[in-house]
N, C-alpha and C. Protein backbone atom coordinates (compact mmCIF):
# COMPACT_ATOMS: atom_id res chain seq x y z
N MET A 1 100.30 41.63 62.46
CA MET A 1 99.41 41.31 63.48
C MET A 1 98.38 40.31 62.97
N GLN A 2 98.09 39.21 63.71
CA GLN A 2 97.20 38.18 63.33
C GLN A 2 95.79 38.58 63.67
N GLN A 3 94.84 37.95 62.97
CA GLN A 3 93.42 38.22 63.25
C GLN A 3 92.95 37.49 64.54
N ALA A 4 92.12 38.19 65.29
CA ALA A 4 91.61 37.58 66.51
C ALA A 4 90.59 36.46 66.21
N ILE A 5 90.54 35.49 67.02
CA ILE A 5 89.62 34.42 66.84
C ILE A 5 88.60 34.48 67.96
N GLN A 6 87.36 34.35 67.69
CA GLN A 6 86.32 34.40 68.67
C GLN A 6 85.40 33.20 68.51
N PHE A 7 85.14 32.57 69.65
CA PHE A 7 84.25 31.44 69.68
C PHE A 7 83.65 31.30 71.07
N GLU A 8 82.53 30.57 71.21
CA GLU A 8 81.97 30.27 72.47
C GLU A 8 82.20 28.86 72.85
N THR A 9 82.52 28.63 74.11
CA THR A 9 82.80 27.25 74.60
C THR A 9 82.39 27.16 76.09
N ILE A 10 82.38 26.02 76.61
CA ILE A 10 82.13 25.73 78.01
C ILE A 10 83.50 25.38 78.63
N ILE A 11 83.76 26.00 79.78
CA ILE A 11 84.95 25.68 80.48
C ILE A 11 84.69 24.48 81.40
N GLU A 12 85.44 23.42 81.21
CA GLU A 12 85.26 22.20 81.99
C GLU A 12 86.49 21.93 82.85
N SER A 13 86.33 21.94 84.16
CA SER A 13 87.45 21.68 85.07
C SER A 13 88.67 22.63 84.75
N GLY A 14 88.41 23.84 84.44
CA GLY A 14 89.42 24.76 84.19
C GLY A 14 90.06 24.67 82.79
N ILE A 15 89.49 23.87 81.93
CA ILE A 15 90.09 23.72 80.57
C ILE A 15 89.18 24.38 79.58
N ILE A 16 89.85 25.24 78.78
CA ILE A 16 89.10 25.88 77.66
C ILE A 16 89.36 25.11 76.43
N ARG A 17 88.41 24.46 75.85
CA ARG A 17 88.53 23.70 74.64
C ARG A 17 88.45 24.65 73.39
N ILE A 18 89.41 24.51 72.51
CA ILE A 18 89.46 25.26 71.26
C ILE A 18 88.83 24.43 70.17
N PRO A 19 87.78 24.99 69.49
CA PRO A 19 87.14 24.23 68.42
C PRO A 19 88.19 23.74 67.34
N GLU A 20 87.92 22.52 66.86
CA GLU A 20 88.83 21.84 65.93
C GLU A 20 89.23 22.76 64.75
N GLN A 21 88.28 23.55 64.19
CA GLN A 21 88.62 24.39 63.02
C GLN A 21 89.60 25.50 63.31
N PHE A 22 89.83 25.81 64.58
CA PHE A 22 90.75 26.87 64.93
C PHE A 22 92.18 26.39 65.42
N ILE A 23 92.30 25.14 65.76
CA ILE A 23 93.47 24.60 66.39
C ILE A 23 94.76 24.98 65.62
N LYS A 24 94.76 24.84 64.34
CA LYS A 24 95.96 25.19 63.50
C LYS A 24 96.21 26.68 63.49
N ALA A 25 95.17 27.47 63.62
CA ALA A 25 95.32 28.97 63.55
C ALA A 25 95.80 29.60 64.85
N VAL A 26 95.65 28.85 65.93
CA VAL A 26 95.99 29.44 67.22
C VAL A 26 97.51 29.37 67.45
N PRO A 27 98.12 30.51 67.70
CA PRO A 27 99.58 30.55 67.98
C PRO A 27 99.84 29.90 69.36
N THR A 28 101.16 29.59 69.59
CA THR A 28 101.47 28.96 70.85
C THR A 28 101.35 29.86 72.06
N ALA A 29 101.43 31.22 71.94
CA ALA A 29 101.28 32.13 73.00
C ALA A 29 100.13 33.05 72.69
N VAL A 30 99.15 33.16 73.63
CA VAL A 30 97.95 33.99 73.40
C VAL A 30 97.58 34.70 74.67
N VAL A 31 96.74 35.74 74.55
CA VAL A 31 96.13 36.45 75.64
C VAL A 31 94.72 35.98 75.74
N VAL A 32 94.24 35.60 76.89
CA VAL A 32 92.88 35.11 77.01
C VAL A 32 92.05 36.12 77.80
N THR A 33 90.91 36.54 77.23
CA THR A 33 90.00 37.39 77.90
C THR A 33 88.67 36.64 78.08
N LEU A 34 88.15 36.43 79.23
CA LEU A 34 86.94 35.73 79.46
C LEU A 34 85.77 36.66 79.57
N VAL A 35 84.75 36.48 78.78
CA VAL A 35 83.52 37.24 78.76
C VAL A 35 82.30 36.31 78.98
N PRO A 36 81.58 36.43 80.01
CA PRO A 36 80.47 35.52 80.23
C PRO A 36 79.33 35.71 79.17
N VAL A 37 78.81 34.65 78.68
CA VAL A 37 77.71 34.70 77.71
C VAL A 37 76.41 34.65 78.50
N SER A 38 75.54 35.61 78.22
CA SER A 38 74.26 35.60 78.92
C SER A 38 73.10 35.39 77.85
N ASP A 39 71.92 35.20 78.32
CA ASP A 39 70.79 34.94 77.42
C ASP A 39 70.56 36.10 76.47
N THR A 40 70.83 37.36 76.93
CA THR A 40 70.62 38.49 76.12
C THR A 40 71.77 38.92 75.23
N HIS A 41 72.90 38.18 75.44
CA HIS A 41 74.07 38.51 74.61
C HIS A 41 73.84 38.15 73.14
N ILE A 42 74.25 39.04 72.28
CA ILE A 42 74.11 38.78 70.88
C ILE A 42 75.29 37.85 70.48
N LYS A 43 74.98 36.67 70.11
CA LYS A 43 75.99 35.64 69.83
C LYS A 43 76.38 35.76 68.40
N MET A 44 77.57 36.30 68.15
CA MET A 44 78.05 36.35 66.82
C MET A 44 78.82 35.15 66.39
N GLY A 45 79.47 34.42 67.33
CA GLY A 45 80.15 33.22 66.97
C GLY A 45 81.44 33.49 66.19
N ALA A 46 82.13 32.49 65.90
CA ALA A 46 83.42 32.63 65.20
C ALA A 46 83.14 32.72 63.71
N ARG A 47 83.87 33.57 63.04
CA ARG A 47 83.71 33.84 61.60
C ARG A 47 85.08 33.82 60.95
N SER A 48 85.17 33.19 59.82
CA SER A 48 86.42 33.19 59.08
C SER A 48 86.33 34.43 58.17
N LYS A 49 87.49 34.73 57.51
CA LYS A 49 87.55 35.92 56.60
C LYS A 49 86.50 35.81 55.49
N ALA A 50 86.30 34.51 55.10
CA ALA A 50 85.41 34.27 53.89
C ALA A 50 83.92 34.50 54.20
N GLU A 51 83.55 34.40 55.47
CA GLU A 51 82.19 34.49 55.85
C GLU A 51 81.69 35.95 55.86
N THR A 52 80.52 36.20 55.59
CA THR A 52 79.95 37.55 55.65
C THR A 52 78.87 37.61 56.64
N LEU A 53 78.52 38.84 57.11
CA LEU A 53 77.48 39.01 58.03
C LEU A 53 76.16 38.99 57.38
N SER A 54 75.11 38.47 58.05
CA SER A 54 73.78 38.47 57.52
C SER A 54 72.88 39.32 58.39
N PRO A 55 71.69 39.69 57.94
CA PRO A 55 70.80 40.52 58.75
C PRO A 55 70.48 39.92 60.11
N GLU A 56 70.52 38.56 60.25
CA GLU A 56 70.23 37.89 61.45
C GLU A 56 71.30 38.13 62.52
N ASP A 57 72.48 38.69 62.11
CA ASP A 57 73.60 38.96 62.99
C ASP A 57 73.37 40.24 63.77
N PHE A 58 72.38 41.03 63.36
CA PHE A 58 72.11 42.34 63.97
C PHE A 58 70.67 42.42 64.52
N SER A 59 70.55 43.10 65.63
CA SER A 59 69.16 43.25 66.10
C SER A 59 68.99 44.74 66.56
N ALA A 60 67.85 45.33 66.27
CA ALA A 60 67.54 46.67 66.57
C ALA A 60 67.19 46.87 68.02
N ILE A 61 67.58 47.91 68.61
CA ILE A 61 67.13 48.32 69.97
C ILE A 61 66.35 49.57 69.93
N LYS A 62 65.42 49.71 70.81
CA LYS A 62 64.70 50.93 70.91
C LYS A 62 64.98 51.60 72.26
N ILE A 63 65.22 52.89 72.17
CA ILE A 63 65.51 53.71 73.37
C ILE A 63 64.47 54.78 73.44
N ASP A 64 63.78 54.89 74.55
CA ASP A 64 62.81 55.88 74.77
C ASP A 64 63.47 57.22 75.14
N LEU A 65 63.45 58.23 74.28
CA LEU A 65 64.13 59.52 74.54
C LEU A 65 63.10 60.60 74.88
N LYS A 66 61.90 60.18 75.19
CA LYS A 66 60.86 61.15 75.50
C LYS A 66 61.28 61.83 76.88
N GLY A 67 61.23 63.14 76.90
CA GLY A 67 61.59 63.83 78.09
C GLY A 67 63.11 64.15 78.24
N TRP A 68 63.88 63.60 77.33
CA TRP A 68 65.38 63.81 77.41
C TRP A 68 65.75 65.01 76.55
N LYS A 69 66.48 65.95 77.14
CA LYS A 69 66.86 67.13 76.41
C LYS A 69 68.35 67.13 76.23
N PHE A 70 68.85 67.27 75.04
CA PHE A 70 70.26 67.34 74.72
C PHE A 70 70.81 68.74 74.96
N ASP A 71 71.77 68.86 75.73
CA ASP A 71 72.44 70.19 75.96
C ASP A 71 73.86 70.11 75.49
N ARG A 72 74.15 70.76 74.30
CA ARG A 72 75.42 70.65 73.68
C ARG A 72 76.51 71.19 74.61
N GLU A 73 76.24 72.30 75.26
CA GLU A 73 77.26 72.92 76.18
C GLU A 73 77.60 71.99 77.29
N GLU A 74 76.66 71.31 77.85
CA GLU A 74 76.89 70.35 78.95
C GLU A 74 77.67 69.15 78.43
N ALA A 75 77.30 68.70 77.20
CA ALA A 75 78.02 67.56 76.61
C ALA A 75 79.44 67.88 76.38
N ASN A 76 79.77 69.09 75.97
CA ASN A 76 81.18 69.48 75.65
C ASN A 76 81.87 70.06 76.82
N GLU A 77 81.21 70.14 77.98
CA GLU A 77 81.85 70.70 79.17
C GLU A 77 83.00 69.73 79.67
N ARG A 78 84.13 70.38 79.96
CA ARG A 78 85.26 69.58 80.48
C ARG A 78 85.18 69.62 81.97
N ARG A 79 85.33 68.42 82.48
CA ARG A 79 85.22 68.29 83.94
C ARG A 79 86.51 67.92 84.55
């Protein structure tokens, strides 16, 4: 199985442009999944096997759990 390639691009007149650095790596038959990019989307971009993640690739989120009670029985209940 080949490695998935991820990149961001703009669709122009129905044409999805593949960045130059990936053209040789893209097989002739592919499955395309379109995911819209929003301002709040964490943009990871395309990475080769040699690249590593940096702290800037991650961002912390805060969830207010005040007033929330965990009920293990309810969580494990089969519906």
